[in-house]
Amino acid sequence: MQNHDERSGVLYLLAGIGLGVLIGAVIGLLFAPKAGEELRGELGQRVHDLTEKVRELSHKVAERGGDTVRTVRERIARKTHEVAEEIAGDEA
């Protein structure tokens, strides 16, 4: 359960960072002295770049989370096998 909470915390942190960067970029661009068309083009490019970065980060987090889940499952399987062997040995 704690692992799930940690993953949720990381995801919220990444979402918060992404949102902060996006808001900062928009505010910076809106106050920059540029023509409207140039501003819209740059804003669109930055949003696209940020979207790609967030997508990459989410894939990395998912991969690491998947690795953790596999490791925990393997440990549980080993412990289950060990306990089953102990029970079988005690019954004999």
N, C-alpha and C. Protein backbone atom coordinates (compact mmCIF):
# COMPACT_ATOMS: atom_id res chain seq x y z
N MET A 1 0.82 -1.19 0.00
CA MET A 1 0.00 0.00 0.00
C MET A 1 0.87 1.26 0.00
N GLN A 2 1.97 1.20 0.74
CA GLN A 2 2.86 2.35 0.80
C GLN A 2 3.47 2.64 -0.57
N ASN A 3 3.78 1.59 -1.34
CA ASN A 3 4.35 1.75 -2.67
C ASN A 3 3.39 2.51 -3.56
N HIS A 4 2.10 2.19 -3.46
CA HIS A 4 1.08 2.88 -4.26
C HIS A 4 1.03 4.35 -3.88
N ASP A 5 1.11 4.63 -2.57
CA ASP A 5 1.09 6.02 -2.11
C ASP A 5 2.31 6.78 -2.61
N GLU A 6 3.47 6.12 -2.61
CA GLU A 6 4.69 6.76 -3.11
C GLU A 6 4.57 7.07 -4.59
N ARG A 7 4.04 6.11 -5.37
CA ARG A 7 3.87 6.35 -6.81
C ARG A 7 2.89 7.48 -7.06
N SER A 8 1.81 7.52 -6.28
CA SER A 8 0.83 8.61 -6.44
C SER A 8 1.48 9.95 -6.12
N GLY A 9 2.30 9.97 -5.06
CA GLY A 9 2.99 11.20 -4.70
C GLY A 9 3.93 11.67 -5.79
N VAL A 10 4.65 10.73 -6.40
CA VAL A 10 5.57 11.08 -7.48
C VAL A 10 4.79 11.61 -8.68
N LEU A 11 3.68 10.97 -9.00
CA LEU A 11 2.88 11.42 -10.13
C LEU A 11 2.31 12.81 -9.89
N TYR A 12 1.84 13.06 -8.65
CA TYR A 12 1.33 14.40 -8.33
C TYR A 12 2.46 15.44 -8.40
N LEU A 13 3.64 15.05 -7.94
CA LEU A 13 4.78 15.96 -8.01
C LEU A 13 5.12 16.29 -9.46
N LEU A 14 5.18 15.27 -10.31
CA LEU A 14 5.47 15.51 -11.73
C LEU A 14 4.40 16.37 -12.39
N ALA A 15 3.15 16.10 -12.06
CA ALA A 15 2.06 16.89 -12.62
C ALA A 15 2.17 18.35 -12.17
N GLY A 16 2.50 18.55 -10.89
CA GLY A 16 2.64 19.91 -10.37
C GLY A 16 3.80 20.65 -11.03
N ILE A 17 4.91 19.94 -11.20
CA ILE A 17 6.06 20.56 -11.86
C ILE A 17 5.71 20.91 -13.30
N GLY A 18 5.07 19.98 -14.01
CA GLY A 18 4.68 20.24 -15.39
C GLY A 18 3.74 21.41 -15.51
N LEU A 19 2.77 21.48 -14.63
CA LEU A 19 1.81 22.58 -14.64
C LEU A 19 2.51 23.90 -14.33
N GLY A 20 3.42 23.88 -13.37
CA GLY A 20 4.16 25.10 -13.03
C GLY A 20 5.00 25.59 -14.19
N VAL A 21 5.67 24.67 -14.87
CA VAL A 21 6.48 25.04 -16.03
C VAL A 21 5.60 25.62 -17.13
N LEU A 22 4.47 24.97 -17.37
CA LEU A 22 3.55 25.45 -18.40
C LEU A 22 3.04 26.85 -18.09
N ILE A 23 2.62 27.07 -16.86
CA ILE A 23 2.10 28.39 -16.47
C ILE A 23 3.21 29.44 -16.58
N GLY A 24 4.40 29.09 -16.13
CA GLY A 24 5.53 30.02 -16.23
C GLY A 24 5.87 30.37 -17.67
N ALA A 25 5.84 29.36 -18.54
CA ALA A 25 6.14 29.60 -19.95
C ALA A 25 5.09 30.51 -20.58
N VAL A 26 3.83 30.25 -20.29
CA VAL A 26 2.74 31.07 -20.86
C VAL A 26 2.85 32.51 -20.38
N ILE A 27 3.07 32.69 -19.09
CA ILE A 27 3.19 34.06 -18.55
C ILE A 27 4.40 34.77 -19.16
N GLY A 28 5.52 34.06 -19.25
CA GLY A 28 6.71 34.65 -19.84
C GLY A 28 6.50 35.07 -21.28
N LEU A 29 5.82 34.22 -22.03
CA LEU A 29 5.57 34.53 -23.43
C LEU A 29 4.58 35.67 -23.60
N LEU A 30 3.58 35.71 -22.73
CA LEU A 30 2.57 36.76 -22.85
C LEU A 30 3.14 38.15 -22.55
N PHE A 31 4.14 38.20 -21.68
CA PHE A 31 4.73 39.49 -21.34
C PHE A 31 5.96 39.82 -22.19
N ALA A 32 6.33 38.94 -23.07
CA ALA A 32 7.47 39.20 -23.95
C ALA A 32 7.02 40.11 -25.10
N PRO A 33 7.86 41.04 -25.50
CA PRO A 33 7.48 41.97 -26.58
C PRO A 33 7.66 41.31 -27.96
N LYS A 34 6.67 40.55 -28.39
CA LYS A 34 6.73 39.88 -29.70
C LYS A 34 5.40 40.09 -30.42
N ALA A 35 5.45 39.87 -31.71
CA ALA A 35 4.23 39.97 -32.50
C ALA A 35 3.31 38.80 -32.16
N GLY A 36 2.01 38.97 -32.34
CA GLY A 36 1.01 37.96 -31.99
C GLY A 36 1.24 36.62 -32.67
N GLU A 37 1.51 36.64 -33.97
CA GLU A 37 1.71 35.38 -34.71
C GLU A 37 2.97 34.66 -34.22
N GLU A 38 4.03 35.42 -34.00
CA GLU A 38 5.27 34.83 -33.51
C GLU A 38 5.07 34.25 -32.10
N LEU A 39 4.33 34.99 -31.27
CA LEU A 39 4.05 34.56 -29.92
C LEU A 39 3.25 33.25 -29.92
N ARG A 40 2.21 33.19 -30.76
CA ARG A 40 1.39 31.97 -30.83
C ARG A 40 2.20 30.79 -31.31
N GLY A 41 3.07 31.01 -32.28
CA GLY A 41 3.91 29.93 -32.79
C GLY A 41 4.86 29.42 -31.73
N GLU A 42 5.49 30.33 -31.02
CA GLU A 42 6.43 29.93 -29.97
C GLU A 42 5.70 29.25 -28.82
N LEU A 43 4.54 29.77 -28.46
CA LEU A 43 3.74 29.17 -27.40
C LEU A 43 3.33 27.75 -27.78
N GLY A 44 2.88 27.56 -29.01
CA GLY A 44 2.51 26.23 -29.49
C GLY A 44 3.68 25.26 -29.45
N GLN A 45 4.86 25.74 -29.85
CA GLN A 45 6.05 24.89 -29.83
C GLN A 45 6.44 24.50 -28.41
N ARG A 46 6.38 25.46 -27.51
CA ARG A 46 6.74 25.16 -26.11
C ARG A 46 5.75 24.20 -25.47
N VAL A 47 4.48 24.36 -25.76
CA VAL A 47 3.48 23.43 -25.24
C VAL A 47 3.75 22.03 -25.80
N HIS A 48 4.07 21.95 -27.08
CA HIS A 48 4.39 20.65 -27.69
C HIS A 48 5.62 20.04 -27.02
N ASP A 49 6.67 20.83 -26.82
CA ASP A 49 7.89 20.33 -26.18
C ASP A 49 7.62 19.85 -24.76
N LEU A 50 6.84 20.63 -24.02
CA LEU A 50 6.51 20.26 -22.65
C LEU A 50 5.68 18.97 -22.63
N THR A 51 4.75 18.85 -23.55
CA THR A 51 3.93 17.63 -23.63
C THR A 51 4.82 16.42 -23.85
N GLU A 52 5.80 16.54 -24.73
CA GLU A 52 6.71 15.42 -24.99
C GLU A 52 7.54 15.09 -23.75
N LYS A 53 8.02 16.10 -23.04
CA LYS A 53 8.80 15.85 -21.83
C LYS A 53 7.96 15.16 -20.77
N VAL A 54 6.73 15.61 -20.58
CA VAL A 54 5.85 14.98 -19.60
C VAL A 54 5.56 13.54 -20.00
N ARG A 55 5.35 13.30 -21.28
CA ARG A 55 5.10 11.94 -21.76
C ARG A 55 6.31 11.04 -21.47
N GLU A 56 7.51 11.54 -21.74
CA GLU A 56 8.73 10.77 -21.48
C GLU A 56 8.86 10.47 -19.99
N LEU A 57 8.63 11.48 -19.14
CA LEU A 57 8.72 11.27 -17.70
C LEU A 57 7.70 10.25 -17.21
N SER A 58 6.48 10.33 -17.74
CA SER A 58 5.45 9.39 -17.30
C SER A 58 5.81 7.97 -17.71
N HIS A 59 6.42 7.79 -18.88
CA HIS A 59 6.87 6.45 -19.30
C HIS A 59 7.97 5.94 -18.37
N LYS A 60 8.90 6.81 -18.00
CA LYS A 60 9.97 6.40 -17.09
C LYS A 60 9.41 6.00 -15.73
N VAL A 61 8.46 6.79 -15.22
CA VAL A 61 7.85 6.48 -13.93
C VAL A 61 7.10 5.15 -14.01
N ALA A 62 6.38 4.94 -15.11
CA ALA A 62 5.64 3.69 -15.28
C ALA A 62 6.59 2.50 -15.35
N GLU A 63 7.71 2.66 -16.05
CA GLU A 63 8.69 1.57 -16.14
C GLU A 63 9.26 1.24 -14.76
N ARG A 64 9.64 2.26 -14.03
CA ARG A 64 10.21 2.03 -12.70
C ARG A 64 9.17 1.41 -11.78
N GLY A 65 7.94 1.87 -11.87
CA GLY A 65 6.87 1.30 -11.06
C GLY A 65 6.63 -0.16 -11.42
N GLY A 66 6.69 -0.46 -12.71
CA GLY A 66 6.51 -1.84 -13.16
C GLY A 66 7.63 -2.73 -12.63
N ASP A 67 8.85 -2.22 -12.63
CA ASP A 67 9.98 -2.98 -12.09
C ASP A 67 9.77 -3.26 -10.60
N THR A 68 9.30 -2.27 -9.89
CA THR A 68 9.06 -2.43 -8.46
C THR A 68 7.98 -3.47 -8.21
N VAL A 69 6.91 -3.42 -8.97
CA VAL A 69 5.82 -4.39 -8.82
C VAL A 69 6.34 -5.80 -9.09
N ARG A 70 7.13 -5.97 -10.14
CA ARG A 70 7.68 -7.30 -10.45
C ARG A 70 8.57 -7.80 -9.32
N THR A 71 9.40 -6.92 -8.78
CA THR A 71 10.28 -7.31 -7.68
C THR A 71 9.47 -7.74 -6.47
N VAL A 72 8.45 -6.99 -6.12
CA VAL A 72 7.61 -7.34 -4.97
C VAL A 72 6.90 -8.67 -5.22
N ARG A 73 6.39 -8.88 -6.40
CA ARG A 73 5.73 -10.16 -6.71
C ARG A 73 6.69 -11.33 -6.58
N GLU A 74 7.92 -11.15 -7.05
CA GLU A 74 8.92 -12.22 -6.94
C GLU A 74 9.23 -12.51 -5.48
N ARG A 75 9.37 -11.49 -4.66
CA ARG A 75 9.65 -11.69 -3.24
C ARG A 75 8.49 -12.42 -2.56
N ILE A 76 7.29 -12.02 -2.89
CA ILE A 76 6.10 -12.68 -2.30
C ILE A 76 6.06 -14.15 -2.71
N ALA A 77 6.34 -14.43 -3.98
CA ALA A 77 6.33 -15.81 -4.45
C ALA A 77 7.38 -16.63 -3.72
N ARG A 78 8.58 -16.07 -3.53
CA ARG A 78 9.65 -16.79 -2.81
C ARG A 78 9.24 -17.06 -1.37
N LYS A 79 8.72 -16.06 -0.69
CA LYS A 79 8.31 -16.22 0.70
C LYS A 79 7.18 -17.24 0.82
N THR A 80 6.23 -17.18 -0.10
CA THR A 80 5.12 -18.14 -0.10
C THR A 80 5.66 -19.56 -0.25
N HIS A 81 6.61 -19.74 -1.14
CA HIS A 81 7.22 -21.05 -1.36
C HIS A 81 7.96 -21.51 -0.09
N GLU A 82 8.71 -20.59 0.53
CA GLU A 82 9.44 -20.93 1.75
C GLU A 82 8.49 -21.34 2.87
N VAL A 83 7.41 -20.60 3.04
CA VAL A 83 6.43 -20.91 4.09
C VAL A 83 5.77 -22.25 3.79
N ALA A 84 5.43 -22.50 2.55
CA ALA A 84 4.80 -23.77 2.17
C ALA A 84 5.74 -24.94 2.47
N GLU A 85 7.04 -24.76 2.20
CA GLU A 85 8.02 -25.81 2.51
C GLU A 85 8.13 -26.04 4.01
N GLU A 86 8.12 -24.97 4.79
CA GLU A 86 8.19 -25.11 6.24
C GLU A 86 6.98 -25.84 6.77
N ILE A 87 5.81 -25.51 6.25
CA ILE A 87 4.57 -26.17 6.70
C ILE A 87 4.62 -27.63 6.34
N ALA A 88 5.06 -27.94 5.13
CA ALA A 88 5.15 -29.32 4.69
C ALA A 88 6.17 -30.08 5.54
N GLY A 89 7.27 -29.44 5.92
CA GLY A 89 8.28 -30.08 6.76
C GLY A 89 7.79 -30.32 8.16
N ASP A 90 6.97 -29.40 8.70
CA ASP A 90 6.41 -29.54 10.06
C ASP A 90 5.38 -30.67 10.11
N GLU A 91 4.64 -30.87 9.04
CA GLU A 91 3.61 -31.90 9.00
C GLU A 91 4.19 -33.30 8.87
N ALA A 92 5.41 -33.38 8.34
CA ALA A 92 6.01 -34.70 8.11
C ALA A 92 6.52 -35.35 9.35
